[in-house]
Amino acid sequence: MYSYAQTNIQLFNQLQEAGYEHADLVCVRDAYTVAMRLFTGCFRQSGKTFISHLVGTASILAESRAPASTVAAGLLHSAYSHGEFGTGERSISEDKRKQLTLVVGPKIEHLVAQYTLSPWDEQTISALLNSFPPPGSVAREVLLIRLANELEDHLDCAALYSGAPEYRRGVINDYLFQCIEIAEKLGFPALASTLSRAFEETLSNELPSAFHGENSNLTHQKAVHLIGWKSSFLFPPATHRLRLKVRISRIFRRRFLARIGRFALPL
């Protein structure tokens, strides 16, 4: 079993026990307050609440003794890609950046923005083994958040509950395993060891048949279809209604994409 926080109270207790200062606690508390608003009704593809994933990522960073600003950024690392700002858009924008900066400050917002804008794929991960960001750089802090995110995503075999377990295993075998060596080189041997254990459990364990395939993901599919997310989904309250301007924007976007598709050349 793993001992990382999954609730705000567990995280706050962890930070206090680790000796983080009062200003640090305020910083993380403010980030959590933002996360509550941005991720209301949001779930990971496994069915886990998104905010638990964010808290878990922040907890891993705190366990690694990361600065409070990095822990706070870990709480908000998916703000631009999955957070609900009320626009219906799942992307970074200047307006969103201004909104987030007003609450958490430019330093934390910059980390979140760089996390969103920096590529994270097979080529990027492989290249990191030969070229590391310099100590004290924003890129290095973002890399640590990336590693914490990967660990949190694979704790308790969570990746196997995504509805695509073989794909997730293939990603680990193909290139994600290199995160273990990256964590070592970054100076976090405990993080590297836990990543290795989480990956191995994901590769070796099998889920009961009740959690296999489409039967385990039927409600997820409806929500994904509703919102259009690939790795997470939103279950809005029964009283939730899209804003008129968001509905109009989506109508025009669908028409535009349909027009592009009509004139696309066959491959």
Protein backbone atom coordinates (compact mmCIF):
# COMPACT_ATOMS: atom_id res chain seq x y z
CA MET A 1 0.00 0.00 0.00
CA TYR A 2 1.04 3.58 -0.63
CA SER A 3 0.76 6.36 1.91
CA TYR A 4 0.32 9.42 -0.29
CA ALA A 5 -2.49 11.86 0.50
CA GLN A 6 -5.75 11.63 -1.42
CA THR A 7 -7.67 14.38 0.38
CA ASN A 8 -6.86 17.99 1.17
CA ILE A 9 -6.84 17.27 4.90
CA GLN A 10 -4.33 14.46 4.51
CA LEU A 11 -2.16 16.72 2.37
CA PHE A 12 -2.34 19.63 4.82
CA ASN A 13 -1.41 17.30 7.70
CA GLN A 14 1.48 15.92 5.67
CA LEU A 15 2.82 19.41 4.97
CA GLN A 16 2.62 20.37 8.65
CA GLU A 17 4.40 17.20 9.75
CA ALA A 18 7.09 17.79 7.13
CA GLY A 19 7.78 21.25 8.59
CA TYR A 20 6.53 23.46 5.78
CA GLU A 21 6.18 27.05 6.97
CA HIS A 22 2.93 28.96 7.47
CA ALA A 23 3.30 30.86 4.18
CA ASP A 24 3.79 27.53 2.40
CA LEU A 25 0.59 26.15 3.89
CA VAL A 26 -1.34 29.23 2.75
CA CYS A 27 0.11 28.85 -0.74
CA VAL A 28 -1.00 25.21 -1.06
CA ARG A 29 -4.38 25.93 0.56
CA ASP A 30 -5.08 28.64 -2.03
CA ALA A 31 -4.13 26.27 -4.86
CA TYR A 32 -6.50 23.64 -3.51
CA THR A 33 -9.30 26.20 -3.32
CA VAL A 34 -8.81 26.89 -7.03
CA ALA A 35 -8.67 23.17 -7.84
CA MET A 36 -12.01 22.59 -6.10
CA ARG A 37 -13.67 25.04 -8.46
CA LEU A 38 -11.92 23.96 -11.64
CA PHE A 39 -12.43 20.21 -11.19
CA THR A 40 -15.92 19.96 -9.72
CA GLY A 41 -17.57 16.81 -11.12
CA CYS A 42 -14.39 15.79 -12.97
CA PHE A 43 -13.08 12.21 -12.96
CA ARG A 44 -10.07 10.38 -14.32
CA GLN A 45 -10.71 7.70 -16.94
CA SER A 46 -10.41 5.08 -14.18
CA GLY A 47 -13.37 6.67 -12.36
CA LYS A 48 -11.15 8.22 -9.69
CA THR A 49 -12.04 11.81 -8.81
CA PHE A 50 -9.69 14.20 -10.57
CA ILE A 51 -9.07 16.23 -7.44
CA SER A 52 -7.81 13.08 -5.66
CA HIS A 53 -5.30 12.67 -8.47
CA LEU A 54 -4.20 16.29 -8.07
CA VAL A 55 -3.85 15.95 -4.30
CA GLY A 56 -1.92 12.72 -4.77
CA THR A 57 0.48 14.40 -7.19
CA ALA A 58 1.03 17.25 -4.72
CA SER A 59 1.58 14.73 -1.93
CA ILE A 60 4.29 12.94 -3.93
CA LEU A 61 5.99 16.29 -4.49
CA ALA A 62 5.78 17.10 -0.77
CA GLU A 63 7.23 13.67 0.04
CA SER A 64 10.13 14.61 -2.25
CA ARG A 65 10.54 17.87 -0.28
CA ALA A 66 9.75 20.04 -3.29
CA PRO A 67 9.24 23.79 -2.67
CA ALA A 68 5.71 24.85 -1.75
CA SER A 69 5.32 26.59 -5.11
CA THR A 70 6.01 23.29 -6.87
CA VAL A 71 3.59 21.42 -4.60
CA ALA A 72 0.93 24.05 -5.38
CA ALA A 73 1.66 23.77 -9.11
CA GLY A 74 1.27 20.00 -8.76
CA LEU A 75 -2.23 20.62 -7.42
CA LEU A 76 -3.03 22.64 -10.53
CA HIS A 77 -0.92 20.94 -13.19
CA SER A 78 -3.96 20.03 -15.33
CA ALA A 79 -5.79 23.34 -14.86
CA TYR A 80 -5.49 24.42 -18.49
CA SER A 81 -5.94 21.02 -20.12
CA HIS A 82 -8.86 19.76 -17.99
CA GLY A 83 -10.03 22.55 -15.69
CA GLU A 84 -13.47 24.10 -16.10
CA PHE A 85 -13.05 27.86 -16.54
CA GLY A 86 -16.57 28.26 -17.91
CA THR A 87 -15.53 28.67 -21.55
CA GLY A 88 -15.94 25.08 -22.69
CA GLU A 89 -12.35 25.13 -24.00
CA ARG A 90 -9.75 22.58 -22.90
CA SER A 91 -6.66 24.59 -23.72
CA ILE A 92 -4.38 27.29 -22.38
CA SER A 93 -5.21 30.93 -23.10
CA GLU A 94 -4.10 34.37 -21.98
CA ASP A 95 -7.39 34.97 -20.21
CA LYS A 96 -7.10 31.75 -18.22
CA ARG A 97 -3.51 32.59 -17.33
CA LYS A 98 -4.57 35.98 -16.02
CA GLN A 99 -7.33 34.42 -13.92
CA LEU A 100 -5.00 31.86 -12.38
CA THR A 101 -2.22 34.40 -11.77
CA LEU A 102 -4.59 36.60 -9.80
CA VAL A 103 -5.19 33.79 -7.31
CA VAL A 104 -1.91 31.88 -7.03
CA GLY A 105 0.64 34.39 -8.30
CA PRO A 106 2.94 34.45 -11.34
CA LYS A 107 5.48 31.89 -10.10
CA ILE A 108 3.00 29.04 -9.64
CA GLU A 109 1.05 29.97 -12.75
CA HIS A 110 4.26 29.92 -14.80
CA LEU A 111 5.00 26.38 -13.62
CA VAL A 112 1.48 25.28 -14.58
CA ALA A 113 1.76 26.96 -17.97
CA GLN A 114 5.13 25.37 -18.70
CA TYR A 115 3.77 21.98 -17.67
CA THR A 116 0.96 22.46 -20.20
CA LEU A 117 3.15 23.75 -23.02
CA SER A 118 6.13 21.38 -22.63
CA PRO A 119 5.93 18.18 -24.70
CA TRP A 120 5.85 14.84 -22.91
CA ASP A 121 6.24 11.96 -25.32
CA GLU A 122 8.62 9.17 -26.24
CA GLN A 123 11.13 11.48 -27.93
CA THR A 124 11.12 14.00 -25.09
CA ILE A 125 11.52 11.36 -22.37
CA SER A 126 14.34 9.57 -24.20
CA ALA A 127 16.18 12.85 -24.80
CA LEU A 128 16.07 13.68 -21.08
CA LEU A 129 18.41 10.80 -20.33
CA ASN A 130 21.16 12.67 -22.16
CA SER A 131 20.27 16.30 -21.49
CA PHE A 132 18.93 17.44 -18.13
CA PRO A 133 17.51 20.85 -17.21
CA PRO A 134 19.94 22.82 -15.01
CA PRO A 135 19.44 22.85 -11.21
CA GLY A 136 17.03 25.54 -10.01
CA SER A 137 15.41 25.96 -13.43
CA VAL A 138 11.68 26.02 -14.10
CA ALA A 139 12.15 23.14 -16.54
CA ARG A 140 13.60 21.01 -13.75
CA GLU A 141 10.65 21.72 -11.46
CA VAL A 142 8.23 20.92 -14.28
CA LEU A 143 10.05 17.64 -14.86
CA LEU A 144 9.62 16.72 -11.20
CA ILE A 145 5.87 17.45 -11.47
CA ARG A 146 5.75 15.22 -14.57
CA LEU A 147 7.34 12.34 -12.68
CA ALA A 148 4.98 12.82 -9.73
CA ASN A 149 2.02 12.82 -12.13
CA GLU A 150 3.17 9.56 -13.75
CA LEU A 151 3.60 7.90 -10.37
CA GLU A 152 0.16 9.02 -9.18
CA ASP A 153 -1.41 7.80 -12.42
CA HIS A 154 0.01 4.30 -11.84
CA LEU A 155 -0.48 3.88 -8.07
CA ASP A 156 -2.68 0.94 -7.06
CA CYS A 157 -2.72 -0.22 -10.70
CA ALA A 158 -4.99 2.74 -11.54
CA ALA A 159 -3.84 2.67 -15.18
CA LEU A 160 -5.40 -0.77 -15.61
CA TYR A 161 -8.85 0.64 -14.79
CA SER A 162 -8.73 3.04 -17.74
CA GLY A 163 -10.45 0.63 -20.13
CA ALA A 164 -7.24 0.20 -22.18
CA PRO A 165 -4.89 -1.81 -19.92
CA GLU A 166 -2.81 -3.36 -22.69
CA TYR A 167 -2.19 0.03 -24.25
CA ARG A 168 -1.08 1.42 -20.88
CA ARG A 169 1.26 -1.54 -20.36
CA GLY A 170 2.68 -1.02 -23.81
CA VAL A 171 3.48 2.63 -23.04
CA ILE A 172 5.40 1.57 -19.93
CA ASN A 173 7.39 -1.03 -21.85
CA ASP A 174 8.04 1.21 -24.84
CA TYR A 175 9.38 4.31 -23.09
CA LEU A 176 7.72 5.31 -19.81
CA PHE A 177 10.02 2.99 -17.85
CA GLN A 178 12.78 5.53 -18.55
CA CYS A 179 11.14 7.80 -15.93
CA ILE A 180 12.78 5.59 -13.28
CA GLU A 181 16.28 6.47 -14.49
CA ILE A 182 15.29 10.11 -14.92
CA ALA A 183 14.15 10.28 -11.29
CA GLU A 184 17.47 8.75 -10.21
CA LYS A 185 19.49 11.27 -12.21
CA LEU A 186 17.31 14.08 -10.93
CA GLY A 187 18.36 13.16 -7.39
CA PHE A 188 15.20 11.44 -6.14
CA PRO A 189 16.07 7.76 -5.53
CA ALA A 190 12.98 7.13 -3.38
CA LEU A 191 10.75 8.46 -6.16
CA ALA A 192 12.59 6.27 -8.67
CA SER A 193 12.10 3.21 -6.48
CA THR A 194 8.36 3.85 -6.06
CA LEU A 195 7.95 4.46 -9.79
CA SER A 196 9.66 1.13 -10.47
CA ARG A 197 7.32 -0.64 -8.05
CA ALA A 198 4.17 1.02 -9.47
CA PHE A 199 5.17 0.18 -13.05
CA GLU A 200 5.95 -3.43 -12.13
CA GLU A 201 2.58 -3.86 -10.42
CA THR A 202 0.83 -2.44 -13.48
CA LEU A 203 2.71 -4.81 -15.77
CA SER A 204 2.21 -7.94 -13.69
CA ASN A 205 -1.30 -7.65 -12.21
CA GLU A 206 -4.61 -8.63 -13.79
CA LEU A 207 -7.98 -7.10 -12.97
CA PRO A 208 -11.08 -9.16 -12.13
CA SER A 209 -13.32 -9.66 -15.16
CA ALA A 210 -15.88 -7.23 -13.72
CA PHE A 211 -13.48 -4.38 -14.52
CA HIS A 212 -12.56 -5.49 -18.04
CA GLY A 213 -13.35 -3.76 -21.31
CA GLU A 214 -16.40 -1.75 -22.23
CA ASN A 215 -18.63 -3.18 -19.50
CA SER A 216 -16.57 -1.34 -16.91
CA ASN A 217 -16.62 1.90 -18.87
CA LEU A 218 -20.19 2.36 -20.12
CA THR A 219 -21.02 5.36 -17.96
CA HIS A 220 -17.60 6.81 -18.70
CA GLN A 221 -18.23 6.59 -22.44
CA LYS A 222 -21.42 8.62 -22.13
CA ALA A 223 -19.62 11.32 -20.22
CA VAL A 224 -16.63 11.33 -22.58
CA HIS A 225 -19.04 11.70 -25.49
CA LEU A 226 -20.72 14.58 -23.72
CA ILE A 227 -17.54 16.51 -22.98
CA GLY A 228 -15.11 15.11 -25.55
CA TRP A 229 -12.18 14.39 -23.22
CA LYS A 230 -9.81 11.54 -24.01
CA SER A 231 -8.35 10.79 -20.58
CA SER A 232 -10.94 12.22 -18.18
CA PHE A 233 -14.62 13.03 -18.10
CA LEU A 234 -17.13 15.31 -16.43
CA PHE A 235 -20.38 14.38 -14.74
CA PRO A 236 -22.13 17.73 -14.34
CA PRO A 237 -24.87 18.15 -11.72
CA ALA A 238 -28.43 17.62 -12.98
CA THR A 239 -29.01 21.38 -12.78
CA HIS A 240 -25.93 22.16 -14.91
CA ARG A 241 -26.50 23.88 -18.25
CA LEU A 242 -23.96 25.05 -20.78
CA ARG A 243 -23.72 28.79 -21.17
CA LEU A 244 -25.38 30.08 -24.32
CA LYS A 245 -22.13 31.42 -25.78
CA VAL A 246 -20.44 28.06 -25.17
CA ARG A 247 -23.26 26.19 -26.93
CA ILE A 248 -23.11 28.58 -29.89
CA SER A 249 -19.33 28.26 -30.05
CA ARG A 250 -19.56 24.46 -30.13
CA ILE A 251 -22.17 24.55 -32.92
CA PHE A 252 -19.95 26.74 -35.10
CA ARG A 253 -16.91 24.60 -34.30
CA ARG A 254 -18.71 21.42 -35.35
CA ARG A 255 -19.86 23.04 -38.59
CA PHE A 256 -16.34 24.26 -39.32
CA LEU A 257 -14.83 20.81 -38.70
CA ALA A 258 -17.50 19.19 -40.85
CA ARG A 259 -16.69 21.59 -43.68
CA ILE A 260 -12.98 20.82 -43.40
CA GLY A 261 -13.72 17.10 -43.46
CA ARG A 262 -15.86 17.47 -46.57
CA PHE A 263 -12.98 18.95 -48.56
CA ALA A 264 -10.19 16.87 -47.06
CA LEU A 265 -8.16 14.88 -49.57
CA PRO A 266 -8.27 11.08 -49.18
CA LEU A 267 -5.13 9.49 -47.75
